[in-house]
Amino acid sequence: MPATTETINNFLNYCRQYISGRERSDGQLFLDRFFQAFGYEGLKEAGARCEEIVDDGSRKGNTGFADLFWPRDRLESVLIEMKSKKVKKLNQHYGQAWEYARNLNPKPRYVILCNFEEFWIYDFLTIIDTPVDIIRLVELPERFNAFTFMGSKDIYPDFRNAGIVAVTTRIARSMGELFTSLKARSGKDFTVEDAQEFVLESVLAIFYRQRGMLLEKKLPGDYGELILKSN
């Protein structure tokens, strides 16, 4: 059963009554009810996992623990990082989410940073470092179409920053076509996971190059070398 205005309002009412906004004590309960609002019995029944171990999940290479990882085969995977209600600048925790995302398999396309009051949604196949939408908890009854990726059908979400997304549509389409081509050629020596990682790294290279962080060094012959600036 997909989300409805009624199920979303039930979720909001529950949050008002029982959720205080503390990351450790309320995070998993909040997420479980969030999944219920979108028609699942709970997050575990949907196949999502809390406190997912992420090897090399920190910038120092240490093991990390993702608050929620939802790996899916037919649909795009999702990563959610919860922060306390006291945390107002969620963008400061983007780096942590990025490290988790690039070290998880399958690679999550949709990444959410949430402080119990706002959902910052990232689409890593279109814009890497900018939220495609920021939705306040109280806006959910009118904006839950931005979370169609939580459903069981492949329906692109109604993101508020559609204009920003449109700028990168051509790149996203190219990356999608590249992944489809690589996936068709996958086999014993080159898996689907290898294809996902290659496409994600390609998007990252585009991101760095657009921001002047990537240099191309010409080498003899038809080869080139991409070098990341150490700013």
Foldseek 3Di string as FASTA:
>chain_A
DAAALVLLVVLVVCCVVPNPQACPPCVQVNQQSVLVNGPANGCVRQVKDAQDWFQLLDPVRHIGTFGIWRDDDPAAIEGEHEDGLVDDPQLVCLRSQVSRQLRDPPRHQWYWYYRSFKTFIHGLLQDRRHGLAIDTSVCCSVQVQQVCSSHPDPDHGPGPNVVSSVVRVVVSVVLVVQLVVQCVVDDDVAHSSNSSSVSSVVSVLVVCVVVVQWDWADDPDPDIDIDGHPD
